[in-house]
Amino acid sequence: MATAITPEHPANPDATALIAELDAHLTPLYRSESRHGFSVQKLIADAVAFFVIRDSGAPAGCGGIKLFGTEYGEIKRMWVRPEFRGKGYGKLMLDHLAAHARAHDVDILRLETGIHQHAAIRLYEREGFKRIPPFGNYRNDPVSLCYEKRFDARFRQP
């Protein structure tokens, strides 16, 4: 089985389909004011580096990262289609986004997720993300969790 992660424009059909599926999954779980996912237009406007993971050519998931200079990178729009779960694709994407950040001299990753995203929360915590107070434009919200992972700059990969 061939797996590949490639940079994709958020407006390409596979990327927009994945983003739409993520939105459809989140909409019944959270009020609109508690959903912070970027639209395709916002991903483009904010120059979010966006990637699609493919399983034998089929789009299986996506993820993006918005860099805030070298201060930190924020993980955005992480999603693995249900039929591709259990194959480690979430971790592969997270590792890919971390490598992208570190290649741009960013040693801190942050993200916001919802309390109902149990599998995502398990993944982030297993991968060393720690709970933090709201950051950036996020505010205290009972259904929102913020996380951060710091890398040791001495071990940055070239």
C-alpha atoms as a PDB file:
ATOM      1  CA  MET A   1       0.000   0.000   0.000  1.00  0.00           C
ATOM      2  CA  ALA A   2       1.531   3.302  -1.080  1.00  0.00           C
ATOM      3  CA  THR A   3       1.066   6.239   1.267  1.00  0.00           C
ATOM      4  CA  ALA A   4       2.119   9.756   0.343  1.00  0.00           C
ATOM      5  CA  ILE A   5       1.718  13.211   1.843  1.00  0.00           C
ATOM      6  CA  THR A   6       1.790  16.006  -0.705  1.00  0.00           C
ATOM      7  CA  PRO A   7       1.369  19.773  -0.533  1.00  0.00           C
ATOM      8  CA  GLU A   8      -1.987  20.723  -2.029  1.00  0.00           C
ATOM      9  CA  HIS A   9      -3.780  23.953  -2.769  1.00  0.00           C
ATOM     10  CA  PRO A  10      -6.757  24.102  -0.374  1.00  0.00           C
ATOM     11  CA  ALA A  11      -9.098  24.851  -3.297  1.00  0.00           C
ATOM     12  CA  ASN A  12      -8.294  21.677  -5.209  1.00  0.00           C
ATOM     13  CA  PRO A  13     -11.233  19.238  -5.339  1.00  0.00           C
ATOM     14  CA  ASP A  14      -9.743  16.586  -3.027  1.00  0.00           C
ATOM     15  CA  ALA A  15      -8.786  19.177  -0.419  1.00  0.00           C
ATOM     16  CA  THR A  16     -12.179  20.907  -0.505  1.00  0.00           C
ATOM     17  CA  ALA A  17     -13.956  17.550  -0.191  1.00  0.00           C
ATOM     18  CA  LEU A  18     -11.886  16.651   2.887  1.00  0.00           C
ATOM     19  CA  ILE A  19     -12.498  20.067   4.471  1.00  0.00           C
ATOM     20  CA  ALA A  20     -16.236  19.784   3.763  1.00  0.00           C
ATOM     21  CA  GLU A  21     -16.328  16.340   5.413  1.00  0.00           C
ATOM     22  CA  LEU A  22     -14.548  17.715   8.483  1.00  0.00           C
ATOM     23  CA  ASP A  23     -17.030  20.605   8.682  1.00  0.00           C
ATOM     24  CA  ALA A  24     -19.970  18.197   8.308  1.00  0.00           C
ATOM     25  CA  HIS A  25     -18.544  16.101  11.152  1.00  0.00           C
ATOM     26  CA  LEU A  26     -18.051  19.101  13.479  1.00  0.00           C
ATOM     27  CA  THR A  27     -21.226  21.081  12.749  1.00  0.00           C
ATOM     28  CA  PRO A  28     -23.613  18.934  14.815  1.00  0.00           C
ATOM     29  CA  LEU A  29     -21.121  18.733  17.704  1.00  0.00           C
ATOM     30  CA  TYR A  30     -20.387  22.429  18.315  1.00  0.00           C
ATOM     31  CA  ARG A  31     -22.158  25.777  18.125  1.00  0.00           C
ATOM     32  CA  SER A  32     -20.873  28.006  15.331  1.00  0.00           C
ATOM     33  CA  GLU A  33     -19.057  30.306  17.786  1.00  0.00           C
ATOM     34  CA  SER A  34     -17.117  27.265  19.063  1.00  0.00           C
ATOM     35  CA  ARG A  35     -15.974  26.095  15.611  1.00  0.00           C
ATOM     36  CA  HIS A  36     -12.655  27.661  14.654  1.00  0.00           C
ATOM     37  CA  GLY A  37     -11.810  25.783  11.476  1.00  0.00           C
ATOM     38  CA  PHE A  38     -10.563  27.884   8.592  1.00  0.00           C
ATOM     39  CA  SER A  39     -12.579  27.961   5.395  1.00  0.00           C
ATOM     40  CA  VAL A  40     -10.816  27.203   2.126  1.00  0.00           C
ATOM     41  CA  GLN A  41     -10.690  30.950   1.468  1.00  0.00           C
ATOM     42  CA  LYS A  42      -9.136  31.648   4.897  1.00  0.00           C
ATOM     43  CA  LEU A  43      -6.574  28.868   4.434  1.00  0.00           C
ATOM     44  CA  ILE A  44      -5.518  30.551   1.192  1.00  0.00           C
ATOM     45  CA  ALA A  45      -5.640  34.122   2.533  1.00  0.00           C
ATOM     46  CA  ASP A  46      -3.571  33.180   5.610  1.00  0.00           C
ATOM     47  CA  ALA A  47      -1.008  31.217   3.561  1.00  0.00           C
ATOM     48  CA  VAL A  48      -1.599  28.010   5.509  1.00  0.00           C
ATOM     49  CA  ALA A  49       0.677  25.226   4.283  1.00  0.00           C
ATOM     50  CA  PHE A  50      -1.844  22.510   3.434  1.00  0.00           C
ATOM     51  CA  PHE A  51      -1.213  18.822   2.823  1.00  0.00           C
ATOM     52  CA  VAL A  52      -3.222  15.775   1.768  1.00  0.00           C
ATOM     53  CA  ILE A  53      -2.329  12.219   2.731  1.00  0.00           C
ATOM     54  CA  ARG A  54      -3.165   9.621   0.091  1.00  0.00           C
ATOM     55  CA  ASP A  55      -3.598   5.885   0.409  1.00  0.00           C
ATOM     56  CA  SER A  56      -2.849   4.251  -2.951  1.00  0.00           C
ATOM     57  CA  GLY A  57      -3.834   7.543  -4.585  1.00  0.00           C
ATOM     58  CA  ALA A  58      -7.102   7.998  -2.675  1.00  0.00           C
ATOM     59  CA  PRO A  59      -7.305  11.119  -0.496  1.00  0.00           C
ATOM     60  CA  ALA A  60      -7.397   9.775   3.063  1.00  0.00           C
ATOM     61  CA  GLY A  61      -6.884  12.895   5.168  1.00  0.00           C
ATOM     62  CA  CYS A  62      -5.528  16.387   5.420  1.00  0.00           C
ATOM     63  CA  GLY A  63      -3.810  18.867   7.663  1.00  0.00           C
ATOM     64  CA  GLY A  64      -2.413  22.342   7.572  1.00  0.00           C
ATOM     65  CA  ILE A  65      -0.102  24.565   9.515  1.00  0.00           C
ATOM     66  CA  LYS A  66      -0.117  28.322   9.840  1.00  0.00           C
ATOM     67  CA  LEU A  67       3.246  29.741  10.818  1.00  0.00           C
ATOM     68  CA  PHE A  68       3.364  32.796  13.051  1.00  0.00           C
ATOM     69  CA  GLY A  69       6.856  33.870  12.042  1.00  0.00           C
ATOM     70  CA  THR A  70       9.212  31.649  14.017  1.00  0.00           C
ATOM     71  CA  GLU A  71       7.211  32.047  17.238  1.00  0.00           C
ATOM     72  CA  TYR A  72       4.940  29.026  16.691  1.00  0.00           C
ATOM     73  CA  GLY A  73       2.991  27.038  14.137  1.00  0.00           C
ATOM     74  CA  GLU A  74      -0.706  26.339  14.545  1.00  0.00           C
ATOM     75  CA  ILE A  75      -2.087  23.017  13.339  1.00  0.00           C
ATOM     76  CA  LYS A  76      -5.270  23.545  11.298  1.00  0.00           C
ATOM     77  CA  ARG A  77      -7.865  21.286   9.614  1.00  0.00           C
ATOM     78  CA  MET A  78      -6.533  17.894  10.719  1.00  0.00           C
ATOM     79  CA  TRP A  79      -8.835  15.156   9.415  1.00  0.00           C
ATOM     80  CA  VAL A  80      -8.645  11.497   8.487  1.00  0.00           C
ATOM     81  CA  ARG A  81     -11.609   9.971   6.711  1.00  0.00           C
ATOM     82  CA  PRO A  82     -13.301   7.307   8.862  1.00  0.00           C
ATOM     83  CA  GLU A  83     -12.571   4.493   6.398  1.00  0.00           C
ATOM     84  CA  PHE A  84      -8.821   5.228   6.682  1.00  0.00           C
ATOM     85  CA  ARG A  85      -8.609   5.435  10.460  1.00  0.00           C
ATOM     86  CA  GLY A  86      -6.522   3.013  12.457  1.00  0.00           C
ATOM     87  CA  LYS A  87      -3.658   3.116   9.941  1.00  0.00           C
ATOM     88  CA  GLY A  88      -1.602   5.762  11.745  1.00  0.00           C
ATOM     89  CA  TYR A  89      -2.366   8.490   9.221  1.00  0.00           C
ATOM     90  CA  GLY A  90      -3.122  11.094  11.898  1.00  0.00           C
ATOM     91  CA  LYS A  91       0.332  10.574  13.395  1.00  0.00           C
ATOM     92  CA  LEU A  92       1.953  10.616   9.943  1.00  0.00           C
ATOM     93  CA  MET A  93       0.279  13.943   9.169  1.00  0.00           C
ATOM     94  CA  LEU A  94       1.157  15.389  12.564  1.00  0.00           C
ATOM     95  CA  ASP A  95       4.794  14.345  12.089  1.00  0.00           C
ATOM     96  CA  HIS A  96       4.786  15.886   8.611  1.00  0.00           C
ATOM     97  CA  LEU A  97       3.392  19.186   9.908  1.00  0.00           C
ATOM     98  CA  ALA A  98       5.963  19.198  12.720  1.00  0.00           C
ATOM     99  CA  ALA A  99       8.772  18.625  10.203  1.00  0.00           C
ATOM    100  CA  HIS A 100       7.433  21.482   8.070  1.00  0.00           C
ATOM    101  CA  ALA A 101       7.447  23.785  11.094  1.00  0.00           C
ATOM    102  CA  ARG A 102      10.921  22.773  12.180  1.00  0.00           C
ATOM    103  CA  ALA A 103      12.242  23.275   8.620  1.00  0.00           C
ATOM    104  CA  HIS A 104      11.045  26.883   9.009  1.00  0.00           C
ATOM    105  CA  ASP A 105      12.823  27.353  12.377  1.00  0.00           C
ATOM    106  CA  VAL A 106       9.629  26.924  14.380  1.00  0.00           C
ATOM    107  CA  ASP A 107      10.055  24.940  17.597  1.00  0.00           C
ATOM    108  CA  ILE A 108       6.554  25.270  19.071  1.00  0.00           C
ATOM    109  CA  LEU A 109       3.358  23.731  17.722  1.00  0.00           C
ATOM    110  CA  ARG A 110      -0.044  24.791  19.018  1.00  0.00           C
ATOM    111  CA  LEU A 111      -3.572  23.758  18.236  1.00  0.00           C
ATOM    112  CA  GLU A 112      -7.169  24.084  19.324  1.00  0.00           C
ATOM    113  CA  THR A 113      -9.567  21.163  19.288  1.00  0.00           C
ATOM    114  CA  GLY A 114     -12.987  20.395  20.664  1.00  0.00           C
ATOM    115  CA  ILE A 115     -13.775  18.288  23.710  1.00  0.00           C
ATOM    116  CA  HIS A 116     -15.729  15.813  21.564  1.00  0.00           C
ATOM    117  CA  GLN A 117     -12.688  14.975  19.383  1.00  0.00           C
ATOM    118  CA  HIS A 118     -11.641  12.043  21.588  1.00  0.00           C
ATOM    119  CA  ALA A 119      -9.394  10.295  19.050  1.00  0.00           C
ATOM    120  CA  ALA A 120      -7.658  13.561  18.177  1.00  0.00           C
ATOM    121  CA  ILE A 121      -7.111  14.392  21.843  1.00  0.00           C
ATOM    122  CA  ARG A 122      -5.606  10.933  22.439  1.00  0.00           C
ATOM    123  CA  LEU A 123      -3.301  11.399  19.431  1.00  0.00           C
ATOM    124  CA  TYR A 124      -2.113  14.842  20.507  1.00  0.00           C
ATOM    125  CA  GLU A 125      -1.485  13.785  24.094  1.00  0.00           C
ATOM    126  CA  ARG A 126       0.266  10.572  23.012  1.00  0.00           C
ATOM    127  CA  GLU A 127       2.517  12.680  20.754  1.00  0.00           C
ATOM    128  CA  GLY A 128       3.592  14.948  23.609  1.00  0.00           C
ATOM    129  CA  PHE A 129       1.181  17.867  23.335  1.00  0.00           C
ATOM    130  CA  LYS A 130       0.339  19.480  26.694  1.00  0.00           C
ATOM    131  CA  ARG A 131      -2.783  21.439  27.607  1.00  0.00           C
ATOM    132  CA  ILE A 132      -2.302  25.215  27.653  1.00  0.00           C
ATOM    133  CA  PRO A 133      -4.584  28.211  28.212  1.00  0.00           C
ATOM    134  CA  PRO A 134      -6.221  29.721  25.122  1.00  0.00           C
ATOM    135  CA  PHE A 135      -3.703  31.379  22.788  1.00  0.00           C
ATOM    136  CA  GLY A 136      -3.918  33.847  19.907  1.00  0.00           C
ATOM    137  CA  ASN A 137      -7.547  34.749  19.209  1.00  0.00           C
ATOM    138  CA  TYR A 138      -8.972  31.823  21.201  1.00  0.00           C
ATOM    139  CA  ARG A 139     -10.942  32.557  24.355  1.00  0.00           C
ATOM    140  CA  ASN A 140     -12.108  30.392  27.225  1.00  0.00           C
ATOM    141  CA  ASP A 141     -14.815  28.123  25.856  1.00  0.00           C
ATOM    142  CA  PRO A 142     -16.142  25.079  27.739  1.00  0.00           C
ATOM    143  CA  VAL A 143     -16.005  22.931  24.583  1.00  0.00           C
ATOM    144  CA  SER A 144     -12.538  24.044  23.445  1.00  0.00           C
ATOM    145  CA  LEU A 145      -9.100  22.694  24.390  1.00  0.00           C
ATOM    146  CA  CYS A 146      -5.733  24.202  23.471  1.00  0.00           C
ATOM    147  CA  TYR A 147      -2.477  22.264  23.275  1.00  0.00           C
ATOM    148  CA  GLU A 148       1.193  22.951  22.708  1.00  0.00           C
ATOM    149  CA  LYS A 149       4.297  20.906  21.935  1.00  0.00           C
ATOM    150  CA  ARG A 150       7.798  22.313  22.204  1.00  0.00           C
ATOM    151  CA  PHE A 151      10.819  20.937  20.403  1.00  0.00           C
ATOM    152  CA  ASP A 152      14.384  21.375  21.575  1.00  0.00           C
ATOM    153  CA  ALA A 153      15.942  23.835  19.111  1.00  0.00           C
ATOM    154  CA  ARG A 154      19.340  22.152  19.564  1.00  0.00           C
ATOM    155  CA  PHE A 155      18.027  19.131  17.709  1.00  0.00           C
ATOM    156  CA  ARG A 156      16.441  20.917  14.760  1.00  0.00           C
ATOM    157  CA  GLN A 157      16.743  18.896  11.602  1.00  0.00           C
ATOM    158  CA  PRO A 158      18.288  20.521   8.522  1.00  0.00           C
END
